[in-house]
Amino acid sequence: MPLSDTLSNIYVFVWQKQILKQLQLNNEFFGRYKDQIFFTWNNGNEEELGSFLQTIRDKSANVQFQKLIASSVPFLNAFVQNQNGNLFSRIYRHPLIQG
């Protein structure tokens, strides 16, 4: 593994502790692969989520977010779907990538 990957993993690991603390209080789901994260947000409204993300941005200016709010989203090679509060997943293949 290149040194840059190792340093990136260390940075994200330290940074993710801020997120995990809040998400564990709300019994949310969290997943991470390298520098990609995924989490659910069910116990608050969109405004509270925005405030939560802004707090993280303020502490970590180098971290960038793409926020997706939907009952189903692609994450890496998985398609995650919320059906009545239960998470389901299946393999996801991006339509522009062949193989």
PDB file of N, CA and C in Angstrom:
ATOM      1  N   MET A   1       0.855  -1.177   0.000  1.00  0.00           N
ATOM      2  CA  MET A   1       0.000   0.000   0.000  1.00  0.00           C
ATOM      3  C   MET A   1       0.899   1.238   0.000  1.00  0.00           C
ATOM      4  N   PRO A   2       0.645   2.173  -0.894  1.00  0.00           N
ATOM      5  CA  PRO A   2       1.439   3.402  -0.934  1.00  0.00           C
ATOM      6  C   PRO A   2       1.297   4.208   0.361  1.00  0.00           C
ATOM      7  N   LEU A   3       2.339   4.963   0.675  1.00  0.00           N
ATOM      8  CA  LEU A   3       2.334   5.783   1.884  1.00  0.00           C
ATOM      9  C   LEU A   3       1.163   6.763   1.888  1.00  0.00           C
ATOM     10  N   SER A   4       0.825   7.316   0.727  1.00  0.00           N
ATOM     11  CA  SER A   4      -0.284   8.279   0.668  1.00  0.00           C
ATOM     12  C   SER A   4      -1.606   7.627   1.077  1.00  0.00           C
ATOM     13  N   ASP A   5      -1.823   6.360   0.699  1.00  0.00           N
ATOM     14  CA  ASP A   5      -3.036   5.648   1.118  1.00  0.00           C
ATOM     15  C   ASP A   5      -3.051   5.437   2.626  1.00  0.00           C
ATOM     16  N   THR A   6      -1.903   5.072   3.179  1.00  0.00           N
ATOM     17  CA  THR A   6      -1.810   4.860   4.624  1.00  0.00           C
ATOM     18  C   THR A   6      -2.099   6.144   5.381  1.00  0.00           C
ATOM     19  N   LEU A   7      -1.494   7.239   4.957  1.00  0.00           N
ATOM     20  CA  LEU A   7      -1.728   8.525   5.626  1.00  0.00           C
ATOM     21  C   LEU A   7      -3.178   8.971   5.475  1.00  0.00           C
ATOM     22  N   SER A   8      -3.755   8.738   4.313  1.00  0.00           N
ATOM     23  CA  SER A   8      -5.162   9.079   4.088  1.00  0.00           C
ATOM     24  C   SER A   8      -6.065   8.275   5.016  1.00  0.00           C
ATOM     25  N   ASN A   9      -5.782   6.983   5.162  1.00  0.00           N
ATOM     26  CA  ASN A   9      -6.578   6.145   6.062  1.00  0.00           C
ATOM     27  C   ASN A   9      -6.474   6.610   7.505  1.00  0.00           C
ATOM     28  N   ILE A  10      -5.292   7.015   7.928  1.00  0.00           N
ATOM     29  CA  ILE A  10      -5.111   7.521   9.295  1.00  0.00           C
ATOM     30  C   ILE A  10      -5.924   8.795   9.488  1.00  0.00           C
ATOM     31  N   TYR A  11      -5.847   9.711   8.532  1.00  0.00           N
ATOM     32  CA  TYR A  11      -6.581  10.976   8.630  1.00  0.00           C
ATOM     33  C   TYR A  11      -8.087  10.728   8.699  1.00  0.00           C
ATOM     34  N   VAL A  12      -8.587   9.888   7.806  1.00  0.00           N
ATOM     35  CA  VAL A  12     -10.028   9.626   7.773  1.00  0.00           C
ATOM     36  C   VAL A  12     -10.464   8.884   9.030  1.00  0.00           C
ATOM     37  N   PHE A  13      -9.639   7.969   9.538  1.00  0.00           N
ATOM     38  CA  PHE A  13      -9.985   7.247  10.760  1.00  0.00           C
ATOM     39  C   PHE A  13     -10.164   8.210  11.926  1.00  0.00           C
ATOM     40  N   VAL A  14      -9.236   9.137  12.088  1.00  0.00           N
ATOM     41  CA  VAL A  14      -9.338  10.122  13.174  1.00  0.00           C
ATOM     42  C   VAL A  14     -10.564  11.003  12.962  1.00  0.00           C
ATOM     43  N   TRP A  15     -10.786  11.426  11.733  1.00  0.00           N
ATOM     44  CA  TRP A  15     -11.902  12.301  11.401  1.00  0.00           C
ATOM     45  C   TRP A  15     -13.249  11.613  11.599  1.00  0.00           C
ATOM     46  N   GLN A  16     -13.322  10.303  11.267  1.00  0.00           N
ATOM     47  CA  GLN A  16     -14.597   9.602  11.351  1.00  0.00           C
ATOM     48  C   GLN A  16     -15.075   9.424  12.786  1.00  0.00           C
ATOM     49  N   LYS A  17     -14.185   9.509  13.755  1.00  0.00           N
ATOM     50  CA  LYS A  17     -14.608   9.361  15.151  1.00  0.00           C
ATOM     51  C   LYS A  17     -15.628  10.420  15.532  1.00  0.00           C
ATOM     52  N   GLN A  18     -15.515  11.616  14.955  1.00  0.00           N
ATOM     53  CA  GLN A  18     -16.492  12.679  15.211  1.00  0.00           C
ATOM     54  C   GLN A  18     -17.873  12.263  14.716  1.00  0.00           C
ATOM     55  N   ILE A  19     -17.905  11.653  13.556  1.00  0.00           N
ATOM     56  CA  ILE A  19     -19.174  11.214  12.974  1.00  0.00           C
ATOM     57  C   ILE A  19     -19.752  10.047  13.770  1.00  0.00           C
ATOM     58  N   LEU A  20     -18.924   9.065  14.066  1.00  0.00           N
ATOM     59  CA  LEU A  20     -19.397   7.871  14.761  1.00  0.00           C
ATOM     60  C   LEU A  20     -20.017   8.185  16.111  1.00  0.00           C
ATOM     61  N   LYS A  21     -19.432   9.125  16.813  1.00  0.00           N
ATOM     62  CA  LYS A  21     -19.953   9.488  18.132  1.00  0.00           C
ATOM     63  C   LYS A  21     -21.424   9.900  18.035  1.00  0.00           C
ATOM     64  N   GLN A  22     -21.738  10.776  17.091  1.00  0.00           N
ATOM     65  CA  GLN A  22     -23.116  11.244  16.913  1.00  0.00           C
ATOM     66  C   GLN A  22     -24.020  10.141  16.371  1.00  0.00           C
ATOM     67  N   LEU A  23     -23.543   9.387  15.397  1.00  0.00           N
ATOM     68  CA  LEU A  23     -24.377   8.369  14.768  1.00  0.00           C
ATOM     69  C   LEU A  23     -24.699   7.220  15.710  1.00  0.00           C
ATOM     70  N   GLN A  24     -23.767   6.865  16.586  1.00  0.00           N
ATOM     71  CA  GLN A  24     -24.027   5.795  17.544  1.00  0.00           C
ATOM     72  C   GLN A  24     -25.094   6.205  18.545  1.00  0.00           C
ATOM     73  N   LEU A  25     -25.126   7.480  18.904  1.00  0.00           N
ATOM     74  CA  LEU A  25     -26.169   7.961  19.810  1.00  0.00           C
ATOM     75  C   LEU A  25     -27.554   7.795  19.194  1.00  0.00           C
ATOM     76  N   ASN A  26     -27.642   7.929  17.882  1.00  0.00           N
ATOM     77  CA  ASN A  26     -28.923   7.842  17.180  1.00  0.00           C
ATOM     78  C   ASN A  26     -29.181   6.472  16.562  1.00  0.00           C
ATOM     79  N   ASN A  27     -28.313   5.496  16.868  1.00  0.00           N
ATOM     80  CA  ASN A  27     -28.470   4.129  16.361  1.00  0.00           C
ATOM     81  C   ASN A  27     -28.541   4.095  14.830  1.00  0.00           C
ATOM     82  N   GLU A  28     -27.626   4.813  14.193  1.00  0.00           N
ATOM     83  CA  GLU A  28     -27.571   4.883  12.736  1.00  0.00           C
ATOM     84  C   GLU A  28     -26.545   3.890  12.197  1.00  0.00           C
ATOM     85  N   PHE A  29     -26.579   3.656  10.904  1.00  0.00           N
ATOM     86  CA  PHE A  29     -25.642   2.770  10.226  1.00  0.00           C
ATOM     87  C   PHE A  29     -24.513   3.600   9.627  1.00  0.00           C
ATOM     88  N   PHE A  30     -23.280   3.105   9.750  1.00  0.00           N
ATOM     89  CA  PHE A  30     -22.107   3.792   9.212  1.00  0.00           C
ATOM     90  C   PHE A  30     -21.221   2.772   8.517  1.00  0.00           C
ATOM     91  N   GLY A  31     -20.719   3.128   7.342  1.00  0.00           N
ATOM     92  CA  GLY A  31     -19.769   2.280   6.640  1.00  0.00           C
ATOM     93  C   GLY A  31     -18.700   3.139   5.984  1.00  0.00           C
ATOM     94  N   ARG A  32     -17.495   2.583   5.859  1.00  0.00           N
ATOM     95  CA  ARG A  32     -16.405   3.320   5.224  1.00  0.00           C
ATOM     96  C   ARG A  32     -15.527   2.346   4.460  1.00  0.00           C
ATOM     97  N   TYR A  33     -15.095   2.771   3.281  1.00  0.00           N
ATOM     98  CA  TYR A  33     -14.077   2.073   2.515  1.00  0.00           C
ATOM     99  C   TYR A  33     -13.101   3.127   2.030  1.00  0.00           C
ATOM    100  N   LYS A  34     -11.879   3.063   2.514  1.00  0.00           N
ATOM    101  CA  LYS A  34     -10.849   4.063   2.221  1.00  0.00           C
ATOM    102  C   LYS A  34     -11.376   5.456   2.539  1.00  0.00           C
ATOM    103  N   ASP A  35     -11.537   6.309   1.528  1.00  0.00           N
ATOM    104  CA  ASP A  35     -11.986   7.676   1.812  1.00  0.00           C
ATOM    105  C   ASP A  35     -13.460   7.899   1.459  1.00  0.00           C
ATOM    106  N   GLN A  36     -14.209   6.824   1.288  1.00  0.00           N
ATOM    107  CA  GLN A  36     -15.642   6.915   0.989  1.00  0.00           C
ATOM    108  C   GLN A  36     -16.432   6.513   2.233  1.00  0.00           C
ATOM    109  N   ILE A  37     -17.397   7.337   2.626  1.00  0.00           N
ATOM    110  CA  ILE A  37     -18.220   6.980   3.779  1.00  0.00           C
ATOM    111  C   ILE A  37     -19.685   6.945   3.376  1.00  0.00           C
ATOM    112  N   PHE A  38     -20.438   6.217   4.170  1.00  0.00           N
ATOM    113  CA  PHE A  38     -21.880   6.076   3.977  1.00  0.00           C
ATOM    114  C   PHE A  38     -22.501   6.031   5.359  1.00  0.00           C
ATOM    115  N   PHE A  39     -23.563   6.784   5.576  1.00  0.00           N
ATOM    116  CA  PHE A  39     -24.292   6.642   6.830  1.00  0.00           C
ATOM    117  C   PHE A  39     -25.752   6.986   6.633  1.00  0.00           C
ATOM    118  N   THR A  40     -26.563   6.435   7.527  1.00  0.00           N
ATOM    119  CA  THR A  40     -27.993   6.722   7.492  1.00  0.00           C
ATOM    120  C   THR A  40     -28.298   7.862   8.446  1.00  0.00           C
ATOM    121  N   TRP A  41     -29.409   8.533   8.210  1.00  0.00           N
ATOM    122  CA  TRP A  41     -29.843   9.652   9.057  1.00  0.00           C
ATOM    123  C   TRP A  41     -31.365   9.586   9.157  1.00  0.00           C
ATOM    124  N   ASN A  42     -31.853   8.995  10.236  1.00  0.00           N
ATOM    125  CA  ASN A  42     -33.289   8.786  10.394  1.00  0.00           C
ATOM    126  C   ASN A  42     -33.900   9.552  11.556  1.00  0.00           C
ATOM    127  N   ASN A  43     -33.090   9.988  12.505  1.00  0.00           N
ATOM    128  CA  ASN A  43     -33.633  10.570  13.731  1.00  0.00           C
ATOM    129  C   ASN A  43     -33.661  12.084  13.737  1.00  0.00           C
ATOM    130  N   GLY A  44     -33.572  12.689  12.609  1.00  0.00           N
ATOM    131  CA  GLY A  44     -33.612  14.141  12.556  1.00  0.00           C
ATOM    132  C   GLY A  44     -34.057  14.593  11.179  1.00  0.00           C
ATOM    133  N   ASN A  45     -34.325  15.865  11.076  1.00  0.00           N
ATOM    134  CA  ASN A  45     -34.758  16.384   9.778  1.00  0.00           C
ATOM    135  C   ASN A  45     -33.547  16.819   8.949  1.00  0.00           C
ATOM    136  N   GLU A  46     -33.814  17.291   7.744  1.00  0.00           N
ATOM    137  CA  GLU A  46     -32.729  17.672   6.834  1.00  0.00           C
ATOM    138  C   GLU A  46     -31.936  18.863   7.371  1.00  0.00           C
ATOM    139  N   GLU A  47     -32.597  19.742   8.094  1.00  0.00           N
ATOM    140  CA  GLU A  47     -31.903  20.896   8.678  1.00  0.00           C
ATOM    141  C   GLU A  47     -30.892  20.448   9.729  1.00  0.00           C
ATOM    142  N   GLU A  48     -31.271  19.469  10.565  1.00  0.00           N
ATOM    143  CA  GLU A  48     -30.343  18.941  11.569  1.00  0.00           C
ATOM    144  C   GLU A  48     -29.164  18.232  10.903  1.00  0.00           C
ATOM    145  N   LEU A  49     -29.433  17.530   9.816  1.00  0.00           N
ATOM    146  CA  LEU A  49     -28.354  16.886   9.065  1.00  0.00           C
ATOM    147  C   LEU A  49     -27.399  17.936   8.513  1.00  0.00           C
ATOM    148  N   GLY A  50     -27.942  19.013   7.951  1.00  0.00           N
ATOM    149  CA  GLY A  50     -27.103  20.093   7.432  1.00  0.00           C
ATOM    150  C   GLY A  50     -26.229  20.704   8.509  1.00  0.00           C
ATOM    151  N   SER A  51     -26.795  20.895   9.689  1.00  0.00           N
ATOM    152  CA  SER A  51     -26.037  21.438  10.818  1.00  0.00           C
ATOM    153  C   SER A  51     -24.925  20.476  11.238  1.00  0.00           C
ATOM    154  N   PHE A  52     -25.243  19.188  11.279  1.00  0.00           N
ATOM    155  CA  PHE A  52     -24.270  18.155  11.631  1.00  0.00           C
ATOM    156  C   PHE A  52     -23.109  18.150  10.635  1.00  0.00           C
ATOM    157  N   LEU A  53     -23.426  18.185   9.340  1.00  0.00           N
ATOM    158  CA  LEU A  53     -22.380  18.188   8.315  1.00  0.00           C
ATOM    159  C   LEU A  53     -21.558  19.472   8.347  1.00  0.00           C
ATOM    160  N   GLN A  54     -22.190  20.594   8.630  1.00  0.00           N
ATOM    161  CA  GLN A  54     -21.457  21.860   8.703  1.00  0.00           C
ATOM    162  C   GLN A  54     -20.464  21.846   9.861  1.00  0.00           C
ATOM    163  N   THR A  55     -20.855  21.262  10.987  1.00  0.00           N
ATOM    164  CA  THR A  55     -19.944  21.137  12.128  1.00  0.00           C
ATOM    165  C   THR A  55     -18.706  20.339  11.732  1.00  0.00           C
ATOM    166  N   ILE A  56     -18.914  19.265  10.988  1.00  0.00           N
ATOM    167  CA  ILE A  56     -17.787  18.445  10.541  1.00  0.00           C
ATOM    168  C   ILE A  56     -16.931  19.213   9.537  1.00  0.00           C
ATOM    169  N   ARG A  57     -17.565  19.921   8.617  1.00  0.00           N
ATOM    170  CA  ARG A  57     -16.809  20.723   7.633  1.00  0.00           C
ATOM    171  C   ARG A  57     -15.955  21.777   8.323  1.00  0.00           C
ATOM    172  N   ASP A  58     -16.506  22.406   9.362  1.00  0.00           N
ATOM    173  CA  ASP A  58     -15.773  23.447  10.079  1.00  0.00           C
ATOM    174  C   ASP A  58     -14.510  22.896  10.728  1.00  0.00           C
ATOM    175  N   LYS A  59     -14.553  21.649  11.185  1.00  0.00           N
ATOM    176  CA  LYS A  59     -13.400  21.035  11.837  1.00  0.00           C
ATOM    177  C   LYS A  59     -12.433  20.414  10.833  1.00  0.00           C
ATOM    178  N   SER A  60     -12.921  20.094   9.644  1.00  0.00           N
ATOM    179  CA  SER A  60     -12.114  19.382   8.650  1.00  0.00           C
ATOM    180  C   SER A  60     -12.304  20.021   7.283  1.00  0.00           C
ATOM    181  N   ALA A  61     -11.636  21.123   7.052  1.00  0.00           N
ATOM    182  CA  ALA A  61     -11.818  21.876   5.806  1.00  0.00           C
ATOM    183  C   ALA A  61     -11.394  21.086   4.570  1.00  0.00           C
ATOM    184  N   ASN A  62     -10.518  20.090   4.728  1.00  0.00           N
ATOM    185  CA  ASN A  62     -10.034  19.319   3.584  1.00  0.00           C
ATOM    186  C   ASN A  62     -10.988  18.217   3.142  1.00  0.00           C
ATOM    187  N   VAL A  63     -12.010  17.962   3.927  1.00  0.00           N
ATOM    188  CA  VAL A  63     -12.948  16.885   3.617  1.00  0.00           C
ATOM    189  C   VAL A  63     -14.089  17.437   2.778  1.00  0.00           C
ATOM    190  N   GLN A  64     -14.395  16.741   1.694  1.00  0.00           N
ATOM    191  CA  GLN A  64     -15.490  17.159   0.814  1.00  0.00           C
ATOM    192  C   GLN A  64     -16.620  16.140   0.898  1.00  0.00           C
ATOM    193  N   PHE A  65     -17.851  16.619   0.742  1.00  0.00           N
ATOM    194  CA  PHE A  65     -19.027  15.770   0.850  1.00  0.00           C
ATOM    195  C   PHE A  65     -19.839  15.796  -0.427  1.00  0.00           C
ATOM    196  N   GLN A  66     -20.503  14.697  -0.675  1.00  0.00           N
ATOM    197  CA  GLN A  66     -21.586  14.647  -1.646  1.00  0.00           C
ATOM    198  C   GLN A  66     -22.761  14.075  -0.869  1.00  0.00           C
ATOM    199  N   LYS A  67     -23.775  14.873  -0.667  1.00  0.00           N
ATOM    200  CA  LYS A  67     -24.926  14.458   0.136  1.00  0.00           C
ATOM    201  C   LYS A  67     -26.018  13.941  -0.788  1.00  0.00           C
ATOM    202  N   LEU A  68     -26.450  12.706  -0.541  1.00  0.00           N
ATOM    203  CA  LEU A  68     -27.557  12.119  -1.280  1.00  0.00           C
ATOM    204  C   LEU A  68     -28.663  11.796  -0.287  1.00  0.00           C
ATOM    205  N   ILE A  69     -29.847  12.308  -0.532  1.00  0.00           N
ATOM    206  CA  ILE A  69     -30.987  12.014   0.330  1.00  0.00           C
ATOM    207  C   ILE A  69     -32.017  11.288  -0.517  1.00  0.00           C
ATOM    208  N   ALA A  70     -32.204  10.015  -0.215  1.00  0.00           N
ATOM    209  CA  ALA A  70     -33.147   9.197  -0.968  1.00  0.00           C
ATOM    210  C   ALA A  70     -33.395   7.902  -0.202  1.00  0.00           C
ATOM    211  N   SER A  71     -34.391   7.169  -0.617  1.00  0.00           N
ATOM    212  CA  SER A  71     -34.646   5.875   0.016  1.00  0.00           C
ATOM    213  C   SER A  71     -33.740   4.791  -0.559  1.00  0.00           C
ATOM    214  N   SER A  72     -33.042   5.095  -1.655  1.00  0.00           N
ATOM    215  CA  SER A  72     -32.080   4.150  -2.217  1.00  0.00           C
ATOM    216  C   SER A  72     -30.939   4.931  -2.864  1.00  0.00           C
ATOM    217  N   VAL A  73     -29.710   4.449  -2.636  1.00  0.00           N
ATOM    218  CA  VAL A  73     -28.527   5.124  -3.170  1.00  0.00           C
ATOM    219  C   VAL A  73     -27.462   4.096  -3.548  1.00  0.00           C
ATOM    220  N   PRO A  74     -26.666   4.397  -4.585  1.00  0.00           N
ATOM    221  CA  PRO A  74     -25.511   3.550  -4.878  1.00  0.00           C
ATOM    222  C   PRO A  74     -24.346   3.967  -3.982  1.00  0.00           C
ATOM    223  N   PHE A  75     -23.596   2.988  -3.498  1.00  0.00           N
ATOM    224  CA  PHE A  75     -22.382   3.254  -2.721  1.00  0.00           C
ATOM    225  C   PHE A  75     -21.353   2.213  -3.121  1.00  0.00           C
ATOM    226  N   LEU A  76     -20.283   2.679  -3.752  1.00  0.00           N
ATOM    227  CA  LEU A  76     -19.248   1.805  -4.291  1.00  0.00           C
ATOM    228  C   LEU A  76     -19.904   0.793  -5.223  1.00  0.00           C
ATOM    229  N   ASN A  77     -19.780  -0.496  -4.947  1.00  0.00           N
ATOM    230  CA  ASN A  77     -20.382  -1.519  -5.810  1.00  0.00           C
ATOM    231  C   ASN A  77     -21.658  -2.095  -5.209  1.00  0.00           C
ATOM    232  N   ALA A  78     -22.294  -1.329  -4.338  1.00  0.00           N
ATOM    233  CA  ALA A  78     -23.542  -1.774  -3.714  1.00  0.00           C
ATOM    234  C   ALA A  78     -24.641  -0.755  -3.971  1.00  0.00           C
ATOM    235  N   PHE A  79     -25.844  -1.247  -3.997  1.00  0.00           N
ATOM    236  CA  PHE A  79     -27.028  -0.402  -4.087  1.00  0.00           C
ATOM    237  C   PHE A  79     -27.763  -0.622  -2.781  1.00  0.00           C
ATOM    238  N   VAL A  80     -27.889   0.416  -1.958  1.00  0.00           N
ATOM    239  CA  VAL A  80     -28.482   0.301  -0.628  1.00  0.00           C
ATOM    240  C   VAL A  80     -29.860   0.935  -0.662  1.00  0.00           C
ATOM    241  N   GLN A  81     -30.832   0.208  -0.114  1.00  0.00           N
ATOM    242  CA  GLN A  81     -32.215   0.675  -0.153  1.00  0.00           C
ATOM    243  C   GLN A  81     -32.847   0.561   1.227  1.00  0.00           C
ATOM    244  N   ASN A  82     -33.586   1.605   1.604  1.00  0.00           N
ATOM    245  CA  ASN A  82     -34.336   1.617   2.853  1.00  0.00           C
ATOM    246  C   ASN A  82     -35.781   1.266   2.527  1.00  0.00           C
ATOM    247  N   GLN A  83     -36.235   0.138   3.053  1.00  0.00           N
ATOM    248  CA  GLN A  83     -37.622  -0.282   2.868  1.00  0.00           C
ATOM    249  C   GLN A  83     -38.273  -0.367   4.237  1.00  0.00           C
ATOM    250  N   ASN A  84     -39.061   0.643   4.565  1.00  0.00           N
ATOM    251  CA  ASN A  84     -39.774   0.690   5.843  1.00  0.00           C
ATOM    252  C   ASN A  84     -38.841   0.543   7.037  1.00  0.00           C
ATOM    253  N   GLY A  85     -37.690   1.209   6.983  1.00  0.00           N
ATOM    254  CA  GLY A  85     -36.752   1.193   8.099  1.00  0.00           C
ATOM    255  C   GLY A  85     -35.757   0.054   8.079  1.00  0.00           C
ATOM    256  N   ASN A  86     -35.845  -0.847   7.126  1.00  0.00           N
ATOM    257  CA  ASN A  86     -34.897  -1.951   6.992  1.00  0.00           C
ATOM    258  C   ASN A  86     -33.996  -1.686   5.791  1.00  0.00           C
ATOM    259  N   LEU A  87     -32.686  -1.873   5.984  1.00  0.00           N
ATOM    260  CA  LEU A  87     -31.734  -1.670   4.893  1.00  0.00           C
ATOM    261  C   LEU A  87     -31.524  -2.965   4.121  1.00  0.00           C
ATOM    262  N   PHE A  88     -31.584  -2.852   2.807  1.00  0.00           N
ATOM    263  CA  PHE A  88     -31.316  -3.966   1.914  1.00  0.00           C
ATOM    264  C   PHE A  88     -30.226  -3.524   0.947  1.00  0.00           C
ATOM    265  N   SER A  89     -29.433  -4.482   0.496  1.00  0.00           N
ATOM    266  CA  SER A  89     -28.387  -4.141  -0.471  1.00  0.00           C
ATOM    267  C   SER A  89     -28.336  -5.196  -1.561  1.00  0.00           C
ATOM    268  N   ARG A  90     -27.810  -4.765  -2.688  1.00  0.00           N
ATOM    269  CA  ARG A  90     -27.569  -5.669  -3.800  1.00  0.00           C
ATOM    270  C   ARG A  90     -26.373  -5.132  -4.576  1.00  0.00           C
ATOM    271  N   ILE A  91     -25.834  -5.946  -5.439  1.00  0.00           N
ATOM    272  CA  ILE A  91     -24.689  -5.531  -6.248  1.00  0.00           C
ATOM    273  C   ILE A  91     -25.117  -4.410  -7.181  1.00  0.00           C
ATOM    274  N   TYR A  92     -24.254  -3.409  -7.293  1.00  0.00           N
ATOM    275  CA  TYR A  92     -24.529  -2.269  -8.167  1.00  0.00           C
ATOM    276  C   TYR A  92     -23.467  -2.214  -9.247  1.00  0.00           C
ATOM    277  N   ARG A  93     -23.900  -2.124 -10.473  1.00  0.00           N
ATOM    278  CA  ARG A  93     -22.982  -1.938 -11.602  1.00  0.00           C
ATOM    279  C   ARG A  93     -23.326  -0.620 -12.268  1.00  0.00           C
ATOM    280  N   HIS A  94     -22.355   0.261 -12.308  1.00  0.00           N
ATOM    281  CA  HIS A  94     -22.571   1.569 -12.933  1.00  0.00           C
ATOM    282  C   HIS A  94     -22.873   1.359 -14.413  1.00  0.00           C
ATOM    283  N   PRO A  95     -23.905   2.022 -14.937  1.00  0.00           N
ATOM    284  CA  PRO A  95     -24.299   1.787 -16.331  1.00  0.00           C
ATOM    285  C   PRO A  95     -23.233   2.166 -17.365  1.00  0.00           C
ATOM    286  N   LEU A  96     -22.301   3.044 -17.026  1.00  0.00           N
ATOM    287  CA  LEU A  96     -21.268   3.456 -17.981  1.00  0.00           C
ATOM    288  C   LEU A  96     -20.011   2.593 -17.923  1.00  0.00           C
ATOM    289  N   ILE A  97     -19.936   1.708 -16.938  1.00  0.00           N
ATOM    290  CA  ILE A  97     -18.760   0.846 -16.786  1.00  0.00           C
ATOM    291  C   ILE A  97     -19.129  -0.559 -17.238  1.00  0.00           C
ATOM    292  N   GLN A  98     -18.385  -1.067 -18.200  1.00  0.00           N
ATOM    293  CA  GLN A  98     -18.651  -2.415 -18.694  1.00  0.00           C
ATOM    294  C   GLN A  98     -17.711  -3.397 -18.032  1.00  0.00           C
ATOM    295  N   GLY A  99     -18.170  -4.616 -17.926  1.00  0.00           N
ATOM    296  CA  GLY A  99     -17.286  -5.627 -17.372  1.00  0.00           C
ATOM    297  C   GLY A  99     -18.000  -6.736 -16.712  1.00  0.00           C
TER     298      GLY A  99
END
